[in-house]
Amino acid sequence: MADLQDADDLRALMRDVSCGDDNMLYEVDEIPQAWRLGRIISENSLHDIFVSHIDDVLVGYAGIWRKNTRRIQHVAGIYIGVSKDFRRRRVGTSLIEHLLGYAQRNGLMRLELRVSVRNLAAINLYRQVGFEFEGLARDAVVVSGRKIDKFFMAKITQ
C-alpha cells in the first residue's frame, strides 16, 4: 500500500501516465497535489492506493474505493495507471491481481471500472483477469473537443 513517502512520486507518475494519453480521466493539470494524495493515502478509510516499484522506481499505481452505503458496501471501484516506460511488462497484471486479492480479503464481492473504448491494451488486461462488459457510456468524456465512449466493466469476485 502507498504511504506518505510515496505522495510526491505518485503525483509525478500520475502526471506522466496522463500526459498525452487520451485514455486517462484526468488531464495533467487536474492531478491532485501531493499533499492531497497524502491525505487520501493516510486518512481515507474507503480509498486505498497501491504502488508498484521496480529497482526503487515507482512504475505503477492502483486504487480501490469502497462504497459506504450498506446495500452496496460489497462493491468497489478500481483504477490503475502504469508508466509508459514499463507497459507490457506485467506491471498492470500484477496490480490488478493485487486488487483482486485485496477484494477477497476484505469481503468485496464486486469490482467495477470504466475504460475508454479505444484503450485496447487495458480492455484486454481486464478481460484476461475476468472482467466482463456490462454497458456503454456514450460520450462519457470529451478530450480535445472529441467525445469518447467508455465501457462499464465489472468482475464478481466471490
C-alpha atoms as a PDB file:
ATOM      1  CA  MET A   1       0.000   0.000   0.000  1.00  0.00           C
ATOM      2  CA  ALA A   2       1.183   3.515  -0.703  1.00  0.00           C
ATOM      3  CA  ASP A   3       2.419   5.568   2.218  1.00  0.00           C
ATOM      4  CA  LEU A   4       3.017   9.270   2.753  1.00  0.00           C
ATOM      5  CA  GLN A   5       6.568   8.996   1.410  1.00  0.00           C
ATOM      6  CA  ASP A   6       5.108   7.938  -1.963  1.00  0.00           C
ATOM      7  CA  ALA A   7       2.930  11.041  -2.417  1.00  0.00           C
ATOM      8  CA  ASP A   8       5.377  13.156  -4.449  1.00  0.00           C
ATOM      9  CA  ASP A   9       6.486  10.258  -6.656  1.00  0.00           C
ATOM     10  CA  LEU A  10       2.883   9.098  -7.059  1.00  0.00           C
ATOM     11  CA  ARG A  11       1.803  12.526  -8.255  1.00  0.00           C
ATOM     12  CA  ALA A  12       4.706  12.626 -10.714  1.00  0.00           C
ATOM     13  CA  LEU A  13       3.777   9.175 -12.032  1.00  0.00           C
ATOM     14  CA  MET A  14       0.102  10.157 -12.369  1.00  0.00           C
ATOM     15  CA  ARG A  15       1.170  13.208 -14.362  1.00  0.00           C
ATOM     16  CA  ASP A  16       3.435  11.040 -16.540  1.00  0.00           C
ATOM     17  CA  VAL A  17       0.689   8.486 -17.189  1.00  0.00           C
ATOM     18  CA  SER A  18      -1.866  11.191 -18.036  1.00  0.00           C
ATOM     19  CA  CYS A  19       0.396  13.337 -20.217  1.00  0.00           C
ATOM     20  CA  GLY A  20      -0.715  12.937 -23.812  1.00  0.00           C
ATOM     21  CA  ASP A  21      -2.872   9.908 -23.022  1.00  0.00           C
ATOM     22  CA  ASP A  22      -6.465  10.478 -24.089  1.00  0.00           C
ATOM     23  CA  ASN A  23      -7.496   7.270 -22.310  1.00  0.00           C
ATOM     24  CA  MET A  24      -6.967   8.650 -18.815  1.00  0.00           C
ATOM     25  CA  LEU A  25      -9.693  10.517 -16.935  1.00  0.00           C
ATOM     26  CA  TYR A  26      -7.595  13.399 -15.658  1.00  0.00           C
ATOM     27  CA  GLU A  27      -5.709  15.963 -17.650  1.00  0.00           C
ATOM     28  CA  VAL A  28      -2.217  16.726 -16.359  1.00  0.00           C
ATOM     29  CA  ASP A  29      -3.199  19.926 -14.537  1.00  0.00           C
ATOM     30  CA  GLU A  30      -6.027  18.104 -12.730  1.00  0.00           C
ATOM     31  CA  ILE A  31      -3.823  15.584 -10.910  1.00  0.00           C
ATOM     32  CA  PRO A  32      -4.241  16.130  -7.161  1.00  0.00           C
ATOM     33  CA  GLN A  33      -1.433  17.938  -5.369  1.00  0.00           C
ATOM     34  CA  ALA A  34       0.949  15.719  -3.393  1.00  0.00           C
ATOM     35  CA  TRP A  35      -0.459  16.933  -0.065  1.00  0.00           C
ATOM     36  CA  ARG A  36      -3.972  15.885  -1.156  1.00  0.00           C
ATOM     37  CA  LEU A  37      -2.723  12.483  -2.285  1.00  0.00           C
ATOM     38  CA  GLY A  38      -1.052  12.214   1.105  1.00  0.00           C
ATOM     39  CA  ARG A  39      -4.393  12.804   2.788  1.00  0.00           C
ATOM     40  CA  ILE A  40      -6.036  10.123   0.648  1.00  0.00           C
ATOM     41  CA  ILE A  41      -3.225   7.720   1.494  1.00  0.00           C
ATOM     42  CA  SER A  42      -3.279   8.388   5.235  1.00  0.00           C
ATOM     43  CA  GLU A  43      -6.823   9.425   6.144  1.00  0.00           C
ATOM     44  CA  ASN A  44      -9.399   7.984   3.762  1.00  0.00           C
ATOM     45  CA  SER A  45     -10.555   4.615   5.079  1.00  0.00           C
ATOM     46  CA  LEU A  46     -12.688   3.997   1.970  1.00  0.00           C
ATOM     47  CA  HIS A  47      -9.938   4.665  -0.595  1.00  0.00           C
ATOM     48  CA  ASP A  48      -6.662   2.771  -0.799  1.00  0.00           C
ATOM     49  CA  ILE A  49      -3.821   3.281  -3.262  1.00  0.00           C
ATOM     50  CA  PHE A  50      -1.228   0.612  -4.011  1.00  0.00           C
ATOM     51  CA  VAL A  51       2.044   1.211  -5.816  1.00  0.00           C
ATOM     52  CA  SER A  52       4.476  -0.923  -7.780  1.00  0.00           C
ATOM     53  CA  HIS A  53       8.242  -0.365  -7.745  1.00  0.00           C
ATOM     54  CA  ILE A  54      10.959  -1.768  -9.979  1.00  0.00           C
ATOM     55  CA  ASP A  55      14.512  -1.088  -8.800  1.00  0.00           C
ATOM     56  CA  ASP A  56      13.241   1.602  -6.389  1.00  0.00           C
ATOM     57  CA  VAL A  57      11.389   3.412  -9.204  1.00  0.00           C
ATOM     58  CA  LEU A  58       7.647   3.914  -8.867  1.00  0.00           C
ATOM     59  CA  VAL A  59       6.238   2.405 -12.077  1.00  0.00           C
ATOM     60  CA  GLY A  60       2.539   1.848 -11.415  1.00  0.00           C
ATOM     61  CA  TYR A  61      -0.381   2.522  -9.128  1.00  0.00           C
ATOM     62  CA  ALA A  62      -3.784   1.045  -8.466  1.00  0.00           C
ATOM     63  CA  GLY A  63      -6.621   2.496  -6.475  1.00  0.00           C
ATOM     64  CA  ILE A  64      -9.709   0.984  -4.956  1.00  0.00           C
ATOM     65  CA  TRP A  65     -12.530   2.867  -3.338  1.00  0.00           C
ATOM     66  CA  ARG A  66     -15.230   1.178  -1.365  1.00  0.00           C
ATOM     67  CA  LYS A  67     -18.823   2.287  -1.073  1.00  0.00           C
ATOM     68  CA  ASN A  68     -20.049   3.383   2.349  1.00  0.00           C
ATOM     69  CA  THR A  69     -23.745   2.668   1.849  1.00  0.00           C
ATOM     70  CA  ARG A  70     -24.761  -0.636   3.497  1.00  0.00           C
ATOM     71  CA  ARG A  71     -26.579  -2.054   0.474  1.00  0.00           C
ATOM     72  CA  ILE A  72     -23.545  -1.611  -1.758  1.00  0.00           C
ATOM     73  CA  GLN A  73     -20.684  -1.899   0.705  1.00  0.00           C
ATOM     74  CA  HIS A  74     -19.661  -5.103  -1.082  1.00  0.00           C
ATOM     75  CA  VAL A  75     -18.879  -3.059  -4.232  1.00  0.00           C
ATOM     76  CA  ALA A  76     -15.688  -1.150  -5.048  1.00  0.00           C
ATOM     77  CA  GLY A  77     -14.459   0.888  -7.986  1.00  0.00           C
ATOM     78  CA  ILE A  78     -10.915   0.459  -9.226  1.00  0.00           C
ATOM     79  CA  TYR A  79      -8.397   2.276 -11.404  1.00  0.00           C
ATOM     80  CA  ILE A  80      -4.810   1.651 -12.466  1.00  0.00           C
ATOM     81  CA  GLY A  81      -2.004   3.517 -14.192  1.00  0.00           C
ATOM     82  CA  VAL A  82       1.358   2.280 -15.421  1.00  0.00           C
ATOM     83  CA  SER A  83       4.344   4.342 -16.537  1.00  0.00           C
ATOM     84  CA  LYS A  84       4.660   4.395 -20.325  1.00  0.00           C
ATOM     85  CA  ASP A  85       8.217   3.037 -19.982  1.00  0.00           C
ATOM     86  CA  PHE A  86       7.010  -0.038 -18.074  1.00  0.00           C
ATOM     87  CA  ARG A  87       3.926  -1.093 -20.013  1.00  0.00           C
ATOM     88  CA  ARG A  88       3.698  -4.642 -21.377  1.00  0.00           C
ATOM     89  CA  ARG A  89       5.902  -5.894 -18.529  1.00  0.00           C
ATOM     90  CA  ARG A  90       3.065  -7.365 -16.421  1.00  0.00           C
ATOM     91  CA  VAL A  91       3.008  -4.367 -14.042  1.00  0.00           C
ATOM     92  CA  GLY A  92      -0.697  -3.801 -14.769  1.00  0.00           C
ATOM     93  CA  THR A  93      -1.445  -7.503 -14.365  1.00  0.00           C
ATOM     94  CA  SER A  94       0.375  -7.578 -11.038  1.00  0.00           C
ATOM     95  CA  LEU A  95      -1.535  -4.526  -9.787  1.00  0.00           C
ATOM     96  CA  ILE A  96      -4.911  -5.975 -10.843  1.00  0.00           C
ATOM     97  CA  GLU A  97      -4.098  -9.312  -9.204  1.00  0.00           C
ATOM     98  CA  HIS A  98      -3.186  -7.429  -6.028  1.00  0.00           C
ATOM     99  CA  LEU A  99      -6.546  -5.609  -6.127  1.00  0.00           C
ATOM    100  CA  LEU A 100      -8.363  -8.921  -6.607  1.00  0.00           C
ATOM    101  CA  GLY A 101      -6.609 -10.389  -3.574  1.00  0.00           C
ATOM    102  CA  TYR A 102      -7.394  -7.279  -1.563  1.00  0.00           C
ATOM    103  CA  ALA A 103     -11.058  -7.585  -2.579  1.00  0.00           C
ATOM    104  CA  GLN A 104     -11.172 -11.242  -1.474  1.00  0.00           C
ATOM    105  CA  ARG A 105      -9.559 -10.472   1.894  1.00  0.00           C
ATOM    106  CA  ASN A 106     -11.899  -7.541   2.549  1.00  0.00           C
ATOM    107  CA  GLY A 107     -15.251  -9.041   1.556  1.00  0.00           C
ATOM    108  CA  LEU A 108     -15.606  -7.030  -1.645  1.00  0.00           C
ATOM    109  CA  MET A 109     -17.709  -9.131  -3.995  1.00  0.00           C
ATOM    110  CA  ARG A 110     -17.899  -6.826  -6.990  1.00  0.00           C
ATOM    111  CA  LEU A 111     -15.229  -4.658  -8.627  1.00  0.00           C
ATOM    112  CA  GLU A 112     -16.226  -2.039 -11.199  1.00  0.00           C
ATOM    113  CA  LEU A 113     -14.366   0.155 -13.639  1.00  0.00           C
ATOM    114  CA  ARG A 114     -14.806   2.343 -16.683  1.00  0.00           C
ATOM    115  CA  VAL A 115     -12.385   2.159 -19.588  1.00  0.00           C
ATOM    116  CA  SER A 116     -12.118   4.070 -22.851  1.00  0.00           C
ATOM    117  CA  VAL A 117     -13.383   2.001 -25.776  1.00  0.00           C
ATOM    118  CA  ARG A 118     -10.118   2.917 -27.536  1.00  0.00           C
ATOM    119  CA  ASN A 119      -7.854   1.585 -24.774  1.00  0.00           C
ATOM    120  CA  LEU A 120      -7.484  -1.915 -26.202  1.00  0.00           C
ATOM    121  CA  ALA A 121      -4.485  -2.858 -24.035  1.00  0.00           C
ATOM    122  CA  ALA A 122      -6.401  -2.120 -20.841  1.00  0.00           C
ATOM    123  CA  ILE A 123      -9.555  -3.835 -22.107  1.00  0.00           C
ATOM    124  CA  ASN A 124      -7.548  -6.968 -22.934  1.00  0.00           C
ATOM    125  CA  LEU A 125      -5.914  -6.913 -19.492  1.00  0.00           C
ATOM    126  CA  TYR A 126      -9.247  -6.598 -17.713  1.00  0.00           C
ATOM    127  CA  ARG A 127     -10.800  -9.386 -19.782  1.00  0.00           C
ATOM    128  CA  GLN A 128      -7.813 -11.677 -19.103  1.00  0.00           C
ATOM    129  CA  VAL A 129      -8.401 -11.407 -15.351  1.00  0.00           C
ATOM    130  CA  GLY A 130     -12.145 -11.998 -15.639  1.00  0.00           C
ATOM    131  CA  PHE A 131     -13.790  -8.590 -16.011  1.00  0.00           C
ATOM    132  CA  GLU A 132     -16.873  -8.588 -18.220  1.00  0.00           C
ATOM    133  CA  PHE A 133     -18.570  -5.870 -20.232  1.00  0.00           C
ATOM    134  CA  GLU A 134     -21.721  -4.533 -18.620  1.00  0.00           C
ATOM    135  CA  GLY A 135     -22.536  -1.491 -20.673  1.00  0.00           C
ATOM    136  CA  LEU A 136     -21.513   1.505 -22.688  1.00  0.00           C
ATOM    137  CA  ALA A 137     -21.426   5.127 -21.591  1.00  0.00           C
ATOM    138  CA  ARG A 138     -21.777   7.193 -24.753  1.00  0.00           C
ATOM    139  CA  ASP A 139     -19.904  10.481 -24.948  1.00  0.00           C
ATOM    140  CA  ALA A 140     -18.605   9.786 -21.448  1.00  0.00           C
ATOM    141  CA  VAL A 141     -15.631  12.121 -21.736  1.00  0.00           C
ATOM    142  CA  VAL A 142     -14.594  14.945 -24.024  1.00  0.00           C
ATOM    143  CA  VAL A 143     -10.914  15.124 -24.951  1.00  0.00           C
ATOM    144  CA  SER A 144      -9.684  17.963 -27.141  1.00  0.00           C
ATOM    145  CA  GLY A 145     -13.234  18.503 -28.349  1.00  0.00           C
ATOM    146  CA  ARG A 146     -13.759  14.825 -29.248  1.00  0.00           C
ATOM    147  CA  LYS A 147     -16.419  12.757 -27.496  1.00  0.00           C
ATOM    148  CA  ILE A 148     -15.199   9.374 -26.328  1.00  0.00           C
ATOM    149  CA  ASP A 149     -17.285   6.427 -25.179  1.00  0.00           C
ATOM    150  CA  LYS A 150     -16.382   4.299 -22.176  1.00  0.00           C
ATOM    151  CA  PHE A 151     -17.184   0.694 -21.368  1.00  0.00           C
ATOM    152  CA  PHE A 152     -18.536  -0.294 -17.971  1.00  0.00           C
ATOM    153  CA  MET A 153     -16.803  -3.487 -16.851  1.00  0.00           C
ATOM    154  CA  ALA A 154     -17.133  -5.488 -13.667  1.00  0.00           C
ATOM    155  CA  LYS A 155     -15.933  -8.673 -12.015  1.00  0.00           C
ATOM    156  CA  ILE A 156     -17.756 -10.708  -9.394  1.00  0.00           C
ATOM    157  CA  THR A 157     -15.023 -11.834  -7.017  1.00  0.00           C
ATOM    158  CA  GLN A 158     -16.891 -14.155  -4.608  1.00  0.00           C
END
